[in-house]
Amino acid sequence: MLLASAAMAAMAQHIAAAQTVSGPARDQSAAPTPTDTDVSDIARDQEAETTIVVTGARATQRSSIELKRDASVVVDGLVSDEIGASPDNSVGDTLERITGVTADRFKGNANELSVRGLGPTLSFSTFNGREVSTAGPDRSVAFQQFPSELVNGVLVYKTQQADFLEGGVGGVIELRSLEATGL
């Protein structure tokens, strides 16, 4: 085995030597040398390329924190920037990222949502303030039918409030759609 590998190495050197072509020698002194101004231009270009500008992230976080602080009930939510930043295809997958919300999966997608672990039949869902109706015998909503691009914001109320519609023992999931004036 050692003899075979030595023979292969010798053959590889012979092939490599055959590929080199002898020709007129190049004059190394004719090669251009970089000047000090060229080097400083390159350094300035590299410095300009490494500048990173972040805009809008602080306002998004601030609005989310103010929403939770100013509410009279326990609420959690996502605004459009947070929904757009997630790689999820449906609102169900996005809502599953909220603390206290779990999903029942159907064919790999988040379908029915449970708030505070009380099951999908004990939560109440609205879309722009209107009750979301379902074709099933109970109140569970198939959230995989709502694409993430359609929703502008999501609020999950984990406790009750007097002005809520009845039925959300586990919690109330409120979806808000995009507005034509906001585009």
Protein backbone atom coordinates (compact mmCIF):
# COMPACT_ATOMS: atom_id res chain seq x y z
CA MET A 1 0.00 0.00 0.00
CA LEU A 2 2.88 2.32 0.86
CA LEU A 3 4.56 1.44 -2.42
CA ALA A 4 1.37 2.27 -4.38
CA SER A 5 0.99 5.67 -2.74
CA ALA A 6 4.66 6.50 -3.39
CA ALA A 7 4.18 5.60 -7.06
CA MET A 8 1.08 7.83 -7.28
CA ALA A 9 2.99 10.75 -5.74
CA ALA A 10 5.84 10.34 -8.21
CA MET A 11 3.39 10.25 -11.14
CA ALA A 12 1.62 13.37 -9.91
CA GLN A 13 4.93 15.26 -9.82
CA HIS A 14 5.73 14.12 -13.37
CA ILE A 15 2.29 15.29 -14.65
CA ALA A 16 2.64 18.64 -12.89
CA ALA A 17 6.10 19.17 -14.38
CA ALA A 18 4.76 18.41 -17.86
CA GLN A 19 2.11 21.11 -17.51
CA THR A 20 4.56 23.92 -16.82
CA VAL A 21 5.42 25.86 -19.94
CA SER A 22 8.72 27.59 -20.29
CA GLY A 23 8.42 30.95 -21.92
CA PRO A 24 9.85 34.42 -21.79
CA ALA A 25 10.61 35.47 -18.26
CA ARG A 26 8.46 38.23 -16.86
CA ASP A 27 10.05 41.41 -15.65
CA GLN A 28 9.11 41.71 -11.98
CA SER A 29 10.37 45.27 -11.76
CA ALA A 30 7.65 46.48 -14.16
CA ALA A 31 4.83 45.52 -11.77
CA PRO A 32 3.00 48.54 -10.36
CA THR A 33 3.45 49.19 -6.67
CA PRO A 34 0.66 50.64 -4.56
CA THR A 35 1.18 54.19 -3.39
CA ASP A 36 0.26 55.59 -0.01
CA THR A 37 -2.85 57.28 -1.45
CA ASP A 38 -4.07 53.98 -2.93
CA VAL A 39 -3.69 52.26 0.45
CA SER A 40 -5.55 55.05 2.28
CA ASP A 41 -8.38 54.94 -0.31
CA ILE A 42 -8.73 51.19 0.19
CA ALA A 43 -8.76 51.60 3.98
CA ARG A 44 -11.42 54.33 3.74
CA ASP A 45 -13.59 52.15 1.45
CA GLN A 46 -13.35 49.21 3.85
CA GLU A 47 -14.25 51.46 6.78
CA ALA A 48 -17.31 52.77 4.91
CA GLU A 49 -18.45 49.23 4.14
CA THR A 50 -18.38 48.16 7.80
CA THR A 51 -20.75 50.90 8.97
CA ILE A 52 -24.07 49.40 10.07
CA VAL A 53 -27.16 51.58 10.47
CA VAL A 54 -30.14 50.25 12.46
CA THR A 55 -33.40 52.16 12.22
CA GLY A 56 -36.85 51.50 13.62
CA ALA A 57 -36.04 48.66 16.00
CA ARG A 58 -36.24 50.83 19.10
CA ALA A 59 -39.65 52.26 18.18
CA THR A 60 -41.08 48.78 17.61
CA GLN A 61 -39.83 47.54 20.97
CA ARG A 62 -41.04 50.69 22.70
CA SER A 63 -44.58 50.36 21.27
CA SER A 64 -44.76 46.73 22.36
CA ILE A 65 -43.60 47.57 25.89
CA GLU A 66 -46.00 50.54 26.15
CA LEU A 67 -48.88 48.32 25.04
CA LYS A 68 -48.23 45.91 27.91
CA ARG A 69 -47.59 48.65 30.49
CA ASP A 70 -50.66 50.77 29.68
CA ALA A 71 -53.14 47.88 29.53
CA SER A 72 -55.47 47.24 32.46
CA VAL A 73 -55.38 43.48 31.82
CA VAL A 74 -52.65 40.95 31.11
CA VAL A 75 -52.00 41.30 27.38
CA ASP A 76 -49.24 40.33 25.02
CA GLY A 77 -48.98 41.24 21.38
CA LEU A 78 -47.02 41.54 18.20
CA VAL A 79 -46.92 44.50 15.84
CA SER A 80 -46.49 44.33 12.07
CA ASP A 81 -42.70 44.73 12.17
CA GLU A 82 -42.32 41.77 14.52
CA ILE A 83 -44.70 39.66 12.44
CA GLY A 84 -42.84 40.56 9.24
CA ALA A 85 -39.47 39.72 10.79
CA SER A 86 -40.54 36.18 11.64
CA PRO A 87 -40.15 33.49 8.96
CA ASP A 88 -43.62 32.07 9.62
CA ASN A 89 -46.14 31.49 6.85
CA SER A 90 -49.31 31.74 8.91
CA VAL A 91 -50.53 33.73 11.87
CA GLY A 92 -50.85 30.52 13.87
CA ASP A 93 -47.11 29.91 13.67
CA THR A 94 -46.43 33.53 14.62
CA LEU A 95 -48.82 33.48 17.58
CA GLU A 96 -47.13 30.38 18.93
CA ARG A 97 -44.10 32.58 19.71
CA ILE A 98 -46.12 34.50 22.34
CA THR A 99 -45.71 33.34 25.92
CA GLY A 100 -48.72 31.35 27.12
CA VAL A 101 -49.95 30.44 23.63
CA THR A 102 -49.59 26.87 22.38
CA ALA A 103 -50.72 25.34 19.12
CA ASP A 104 -52.33 22.12 18.02
CA ARG A 105 -50.62 21.14 14.79
CA PHE A 106 -52.30 19.87 11.63
CA LYS A 107 -50.00 18.66 8.83
CA GLY A 108 -47.05 20.48 10.39
CA ASN A 109 -48.72 23.89 10.69
CA ALA A 110 -50.05 25.59 13.81
CA ASN A 111 -53.79 25.23 13.43
CA GLU A 112 -55.79 25.71 16.64
CA LEU A 113 -54.39 27.82 19.49
CA SER A 114 -54.72 27.38 23.24
CA VAL A 115 -54.26 30.33 25.58
CA ARG A 116 -52.95 29.58 29.09
CA GLY A 117 -53.24 25.84 28.39
CA LEU A 118 -57.05 25.75 28.49
CA GLY A 119 -57.61 24.28 25.04
CA PRO A 120 -58.62 25.81 21.71
CA THR A 121 -62.36 25.57 22.43
CA LEU A 122 -62.08 27.90 25.44
CA SER A 123 -60.48 30.84 23.64
CA PHE A 124 -62.31 33.52 21.70
CA SER A 125 -60.96 35.02 18.47
CA THR A 126 -61.80 38.26 16.72
CA PHE A 127 -60.72 39.78 13.42
CA ASN A 128 -60.94 43.59 13.45
CA GLY A 129 -63.33 43.35 16.43
CA ARG A 130 -65.66 40.83 14.79
CA GLU A 131 -66.02 37.24 15.94
CA VAL A 132 -64.23 34.74 13.72
CA SER A 133 -66.72 32.07 12.70
CA THR A 134 -65.71 28.51 12.01
CA ALA A 135 -67.20 25.60 10.14
CA GLY A 136 -66.57 23.23 13.04
CA PRO A 137 -68.90 22.34 15.89
CA ASP A 138 -66.90 24.36 18.43
CA ARG A 139 -65.21 27.76 18.71
CA SER A 140 -61.70 26.70 17.77
CA VAL A 141 -60.33 28.68 14.83
CA ALA A 142 -57.98 27.31 12.18
CA PHE A 143 -55.31 30.03 12.29
CA GLN A 144 -53.38 28.47 9.43
CA GLN A 145 -55.91 30.08 7.08
CA PHE A 146 -54.62 33.59 7.90
CA PRO A 147 -51.38 34.47 6.09
CA SER A 148 -48.87 36.57 8.02
CA GLU A 149 -48.90 39.24 5.29
CA LEU A 150 -52.59 39.96 5.97
CA VAL A 151 -52.19 40.80 9.65
CA ASN A 152 -51.01 44.19 10.92
CA GLY A 153 -51.04 43.34 14.62
CA VAL A 154 -52.05 40.65 17.09
CA LEU A 155 -53.14 41.02 20.71
CA VAL A 156 -53.62 38.11 23.09
CA TYR A 157 -55.61 39.05 26.19
CA LYS A 158 -54.89 36.50 28.89
CA THR A 159 -57.39 37.88 31.41
CA GLN A 160 -60.95 39.16 31.06
CA GLN A 161 -62.26 42.69 30.81
CA ALA A 162 -65.86 43.95 31.10
CA ASP A 163 -66.09 45.22 27.51
CA PHE A 164 -65.00 41.91 25.91
CA LEU A 165 -67.51 39.69 24.18
CA GLU A 166 -68.30 36.62 26.26
CA GLY A 167 -66.71 33.29 25.60
CA GLY A 168 -63.00 33.73 26.09
CA VAL A 169 -62.40 31.73 29.26
CA GLY A 170 -58.84 30.89 28.22
CA GLY A 171 -58.21 34.23 26.58
CA VAL A 172 -59.10 36.48 23.67
CA ILE A 173 -57.05 36.54 20.47
CA GLU A 174 -57.53 39.73 18.51
CA LEU A 175 -56.24 39.99 14.93
CA ARG A 176 -55.98 43.36 13.20
CA SER A 177 -55.72 43.53 9.43
CA LEU A 178 -53.79 45.96 7.28
CA GLU A 179 -55.55 49.22 6.51
CA ALA A 180 -55.65 50.69 3.03
CA THR A 181 -54.46 54.06 4.35
CA GLY A 182 -51.49 52.43 6.10
CA LEU A 183 -50.01 50.93 2.94
